[in-house]
């Protein structure tokens, strides 16, 4: 299965797939990570790529010990359906 990576040089989580790379742009604020924007290539739209990307990113955030601040509308909607990640959400 394709894996979400933390591209710290670009400040984004990435899921590279045939057809393009989906990403979540972020910035670090102390021990918190602010998730700013989610982008899925048009060719991959409607295939669950955003959800796979979100799940992978939240797993990486949990492992890092950070808390996430959601500034992205897509992720705000996603987290409502996935309350198992509420423990790492900080606004």
N, C-alpha and C. Protein backbone atom coordinates (compact mmCIF):
# COMPACT_ATOMS: atom_id res chain seq x y z
N UNK A 1 0.84 -1.19 0.00
CA UNK A 1 0.00 0.00 0.00
C UNK A 1 0.88 1.25 0.00
N UNK A 2 0.43 2.27 -0.66
CA UNK A 2 1.17 3.53 -0.71
C UNK A 2 1.18 4.15 0.68
N UNK A 3 2.31 4.78 0.99
CA UNK A 3 2.48 5.30 2.33
C UNK A 3 2.58 6.82 2.35
N UNK A 4 1.95 7.41 3.36
CA UNK A 4 2.04 8.85 3.57
C UNK A 4 3.38 9.13 4.23
N UNK A 5 4.09 10.12 3.71
CA UNK A 5 5.37 10.52 4.29
C UNK A 5 5.30 11.97 4.76
N UNK A 6 6.17 12.32 5.70
CA UNK A 6 6.29 13.68 6.18
C UNK A 6 7.49 14.31 5.47
N UNK A 7 7.22 15.16 4.49
CA UNK A 7 8.27 15.86 3.76
C UNK A 7 8.56 17.15 4.53
N UNK A 8 9.45 17.06 5.52
CA UNK A 8 9.72 18.20 6.40
C UNK A 8 10.36 19.36 5.64
N UNK A 9 11.12 19.07 4.59
CA UNK A 9 11.75 20.13 3.80
C UNK A 9 10.71 21.01 3.13
N UNK A 10 9.58 20.44 2.75
CA UNK A 10 8.50 21.17 2.08
C UNK A 10 7.35 21.51 3.03
N UNK A 11 7.45 21.07 4.29
CA UNK A 11 6.38 21.26 5.29
C UNK A 11 5.04 20.74 4.79
N UNK A 12 5.04 19.47 4.42
CA UNK A 12 3.80 18.86 3.96
C UNK A 12 3.85 17.34 4.08
N UNK A 13 2.68 16.76 4.31
CA UNK A 13 2.53 15.31 4.25
C UNK A 13 2.19 14.99 2.81
N UNK A 14 2.75 13.89 2.30
CA UNK A 14 2.55 13.54 0.89
C UNK A 14 2.15 12.09 0.74
N UNK A 15 1.30 11.84 -0.24
CA UNK A 15 0.92 10.50 -0.65
C UNK A 15 1.13 10.45 -2.16
N UNK A 16 2.23 9.83 -2.56
CA UNK A 16 2.57 9.76 -3.99
C UNK A 16 1.87 8.56 -4.62
N UNK A 17 1.13 8.83 -5.68
CA UNK A 17 0.38 7.80 -6.39
C UNK A 17 0.58 7.97 -7.89
N UNK A 18 0.26 6.91 -8.64
CA UNK A 18 0.26 7.06 -10.08
C UNK A 18 -0.84 8.06 -10.41
N UNK A 19 -0.50 9.13 -11.08
CA UNK A 19 -1.47 10.17 -11.38
C UNK A 19 -1.22 11.45 -10.60
N UNK A 20 -0.26 11.41 -9.66
CA UNK A 20 0.09 12.62 -8.94
C UNK A 20 0.32 12.40 -7.46
N UNK A 21 0.62 13.48 -6.78
CA UNK A 21 0.89 13.44 -5.35
C UNK A 21 -0.15 14.28 -4.61
N UNK A 22 -0.83 13.64 -3.67
CA UNK A 22 -1.76 14.35 -2.78
C UNK A 22 -0.94 14.89 -1.61
N UNK A 23 -1.36 16.03 -1.08
CA UNK A 23 -0.58 16.62 0.01
C UNK A 23 -1.43 17.37 1.01
N UNK A 24 -0.89 17.49 2.21
CA UNK A 24 -1.45 18.35 3.25
C UNK A 24 -0.32 19.29 3.66
N UNK A 25 -0.49 20.58 3.39
CA UNK A 25 0.50 21.58 3.77
C UNK A 25 0.31 21.92 5.25
N UNK A 26 1.44 22.14 5.93
CA UNK A 26 1.35 22.46 7.36
C UNK A 26 2.44 23.45 7.76
N UNK A 27 2.29 23.97 8.99
CA UNK A 27 3.37 24.73 9.62
C UNK A 27 3.45 24.27 11.07
N UNK A 28 4.63 24.35 11.63
CA UNK A 28 4.86 23.93 13.01
C UNK A 28 4.77 25.16 13.92
N UNK A 29 4.02 25.02 15.00
CA UNK A 29 3.95 26.05 16.04
C UNK A 29 4.24 25.38 17.37
N UNK A 30 5.47 25.40 17.77
CA UNK A 30 5.88 24.73 19.01
C UNK A 30 5.67 23.24 18.91
N UNK A 31 4.85 22.70 19.82
CA UNK A 31 4.56 21.27 19.81
C UNK A 31 3.29 20.96 19.02
N UNK A 32 2.79 21.95 18.32
CA UNK A 32 1.56 21.76 17.53
C UNK A 32 1.87 21.88 16.04
N UNK A 33 1.08 21.18 15.27
CA UNK A 33 1.22 21.22 13.82
C UNK A 33 -0.09 21.76 13.25
N UNK A 34 0.00 22.86 12.51
CA UNK A 34 -1.19 23.50 11.95
C UNK A 34 -1.38 22.99 10.52
N UNK A 35 -2.46 22.28 10.30
CA UNK A 35 -2.76 21.72 8.97
C UNK A 35 -3.55 22.76 8.19
N UNK A 36 -2.92 23.28 7.15
CA UNK A 36 -3.42 24.45 6.44
C UNK A 36 -4.31 24.11 5.25
N UNK A 37 -3.86 23.15 4.45
CA UNK A 37 -4.50 22.95 3.14
C UNK A 37 -4.28 21.52 2.68
N UNK A 38 -5.34 20.91 2.14
CA UNK A 38 -5.24 19.57 1.55
C UNK A 38 -5.48 19.69 0.05
N UNK A 39 -4.65 19.00 -0.71
CA UNK A 39 -4.74 19.06 -2.17
C UNK A 39 -4.63 17.65 -2.75
N UNK A 40 -5.61 17.29 -3.57
CA UNK A 40 -5.60 15.99 -4.25
C UNK A 40 -5.64 16.28 -5.75
N UNK A 41 -4.72 15.68 -6.52
CA UNK A 41 -4.73 15.90 -7.97
C UNK A 41 -6.10 15.57 -8.58
N UNK A 42 -6.51 16.37 -9.52
CA UNK A 42 -7.82 16.20 -10.17
C UNK A 42 -8.02 14.78 -10.69
N UNK A 43 -6.97 14.19 -11.24
CA UNK A 43 -7.06 12.83 -11.80
C UNK A 43 -7.40 11.79 -10.73
N UNK A 44 -7.14 12.11 -9.45
CA UNK A 44 -7.37 11.16 -8.37
C UNK A 44 -8.60 11.51 -7.53
N UNK A 45 -9.30 12.54 -7.92
CA UNK A 45 -10.47 13.02 -7.18
C UNK A 45 -11.56 11.95 -7.10
N UNK A 46 -12.21 11.86 -5.94
CA UNK A 46 -13.33 10.94 -5.77
C UNK A 46 -12.94 9.49 -5.59
N UNK A 47 -11.67 9.21 -5.32
CA UNK A 47 -11.21 7.82 -5.16
C UNK A 47 -10.79 7.50 -3.73
N UNK A 48 -11.12 8.38 -2.78
CA UNK A 48 -10.75 8.14 -1.39
C UNK A 48 -9.33 8.51 -1.04
N UNK A 49 -8.65 9.19 -1.96
CA UNK A 49 -7.25 9.55 -1.75
C UNK A 49 -7.11 10.53 -0.58
N UNK A 50 -8.01 11.51 -0.50
CA UNK A 50 -7.95 12.48 0.59
C UNK A 50 -8.09 11.81 1.94
N UNK A 51 -8.97 10.84 2.03
CA UNK A 51 -9.17 10.12 3.28
C UNK A 51 -7.95 9.29 3.65
N UNK A 52 -7.34 8.63 2.68
CA UNK A 52 -6.11 7.86 2.94
C UNK A 52 -4.99 8.78 3.38
N UNK A 53 -4.91 9.93 2.74
CA UNK A 53 -3.88 10.92 3.09
C UNK A 53 -4.11 11.42 4.52
N UNK A 54 -5.35 11.76 4.85
CA UNK A 54 -5.66 12.27 6.19
C UNK A 54 -5.32 11.23 7.25
N UNK A 55 -5.73 9.98 7.04
CA UNK A 55 -5.46 8.92 8.01
C UNK A 55 -3.95 8.75 8.21
N UNK A 56 -3.20 8.72 7.13
CA UNK A 56 -1.75 8.57 7.25
C UNK A 56 -1.10 9.74 7.96
N UNK A 57 -1.56 10.95 7.65
CA UNK A 57 -1.01 12.15 8.29
C UNK A 57 -1.31 12.14 9.79
N UNK A 58 -2.55 11.80 10.16
CA UNK A 58 -2.91 11.78 11.59
C UNK A 58 -2.15 10.70 12.34
N UNK A 59 -1.87 9.58 11.68
CA UNK A 59 -1.05 8.53 12.31
C UNK A 59 0.37 9.05 12.57
N UNK A 60 0.93 9.76 11.59
CA UNK A 60 2.28 10.31 11.76
C UNK A 60 2.31 11.37 12.86
N UNK A 61 1.27 12.19 12.93
CA UNK A 61 1.18 13.22 13.97
C UNK A 61 1.09 12.55 15.35
N UNK A 62 0.26 11.53 15.46
CA UNK A 62 0.12 10.82 16.73
C UNK A 62 1.47 10.25 17.17
N UNK A 63 2.18 9.62 16.24
CA UNK A 63 3.48 9.03 16.54
C UNK A 63 4.49 10.08 16.99
N UNK A 64 4.39 11.28 16.43
CA UNK A 64 5.34 12.35 16.76
C UNK A 64 5.09 12.96 18.14
N UNK A 65 3.89 12.71 18.70
CA UNK A 65 3.55 13.27 20.00
C UNK A 65 3.01 14.69 19.93
N UNK A 66 2.85 15.20 18.72
CA UNK A 66 2.31 16.56 18.55
C UNK A 66 0.79 16.56 18.58
N UNK A 67 0.23 17.74 18.69
CA UNK A 67 -1.22 17.95 18.55
C UNK A 67 -1.44 18.69 17.24
N UNK A 68 -2.59 18.47 16.62
CA UNK A 68 -2.91 19.09 15.33
C UNK A 68 -3.95 20.19 15.50
N UNK A 69 -3.76 21.27 14.78
CA UNK A 69 -4.73 22.35 14.68
C UNK A 69 -5.25 22.32 13.25
N UNK A 70 -6.56 22.22 13.08
CA UNK A 70 -7.14 22.09 11.75
C UNK A 70 -7.57 23.45 11.21
N UNK A 71 -6.92 23.89 10.15
CA UNK A 71 -7.29 25.12 9.45
C UNK A 71 -7.84 24.79 8.05
N UNK A 72 -7.90 23.50 7.75
CA UNK A 72 -8.34 23.02 6.44
C UNK A 72 -9.78 22.50 6.55
N UNK A 73 -10.67 23.01 5.70
CA UNK A 73 -12.07 22.60 5.74
C UNK A 73 -12.24 21.10 5.48
N UNK A 74 -11.49 20.56 4.54
CA UNK A 74 -11.60 19.13 4.25
C UNK A 74 -11.29 18.31 5.50
N UNK A 75 -10.20 18.65 6.19
CA UNK A 75 -9.81 17.88 7.37
C UNK A 75 -10.79 18.08 8.52
N UNK A 76 -11.36 19.25 8.64
CA UNK A 76 -12.38 19.48 9.68
C UNK A 76 -13.58 18.57 9.45
N UNK A 77 -13.98 18.43 8.20
CA UNK A 77 -15.08 17.54 7.86
C UNK A 77 -14.72 16.07 8.07
N UNK A 78 -13.48 15.72 7.73
CA UNK A 78 -13.02 14.34 7.84
C UNK A 78 -12.98 13.90 9.29
N UNK A 79 -12.48 14.76 10.16
CA UNK A 79 -12.28 14.38 11.56
C UNK A 79 -13.61 14.12 12.26
N UNK A 80 -14.68 14.80 11.83
CA UNK A 80 -16.01 14.56 12.42
C UNK A 80 -16.42 13.10 12.23
N UNK A 81 -16.03 12.52 11.10
CA UNK A 81 -16.39 11.12 10.79
C UNK A 81 -15.38 10.13 11.37
N UNK A 82 -14.29 10.63 11.93
CA UNK A 82 -13.22 9.77 12.46
C UNK A 82 -12.81 10.23 13.86
N UNK A 83 -13.72 10.09 14.83
CA UNK A 83 -13.45 10.60 16.18
C UNK A 83 -12.31 9.87 16.91
N UNK A 84 -11.83 8.77 16.34
CA UNK A 84 -10.72 8.06 16.96
C UNK A 84 -9.43 8.88 16.95
N UNK A 85 -9.42 10.01 16.25
CA UNK A 85 -8.24 10.89 16.25
C UNK A 85 -8.46 12.16 17.09
N UNK A 86 -9.58 12.23 17.80
CA UNK A 86 -9.88 13.43 18.60
C UNK A 86 -8.79 13.73 19.63
N UNK A 87 -8.09 12.69 20.10
CA UNK A 87 -7.07 12.87 21.14
C UNK A 87 -5.89 13.73 20.67
N UNK A 88 -5.69 13.84 19.35
CA UNK A 88 -4.57 14.65 18.86
C UNK A 88 -4.99 15.99 18.28
N UNK A 89 -6.29 16.29 18.34
CA UNK A 89 -6.79 17.54 17.78
C UNK A 89 -6.80 18.61 18.88
N UNK A 90 -6.24 19.77 18.55
CA UNK A 90 -6.11 20.87 19.52
C UNK A 90 -6.65 22.16 18.91
N UNK A 91 -7.84 22.07 18.34
CA UNK A 91 -8.43 23.29 17.77
C UNK A 91 -8.59 23.19 16.27
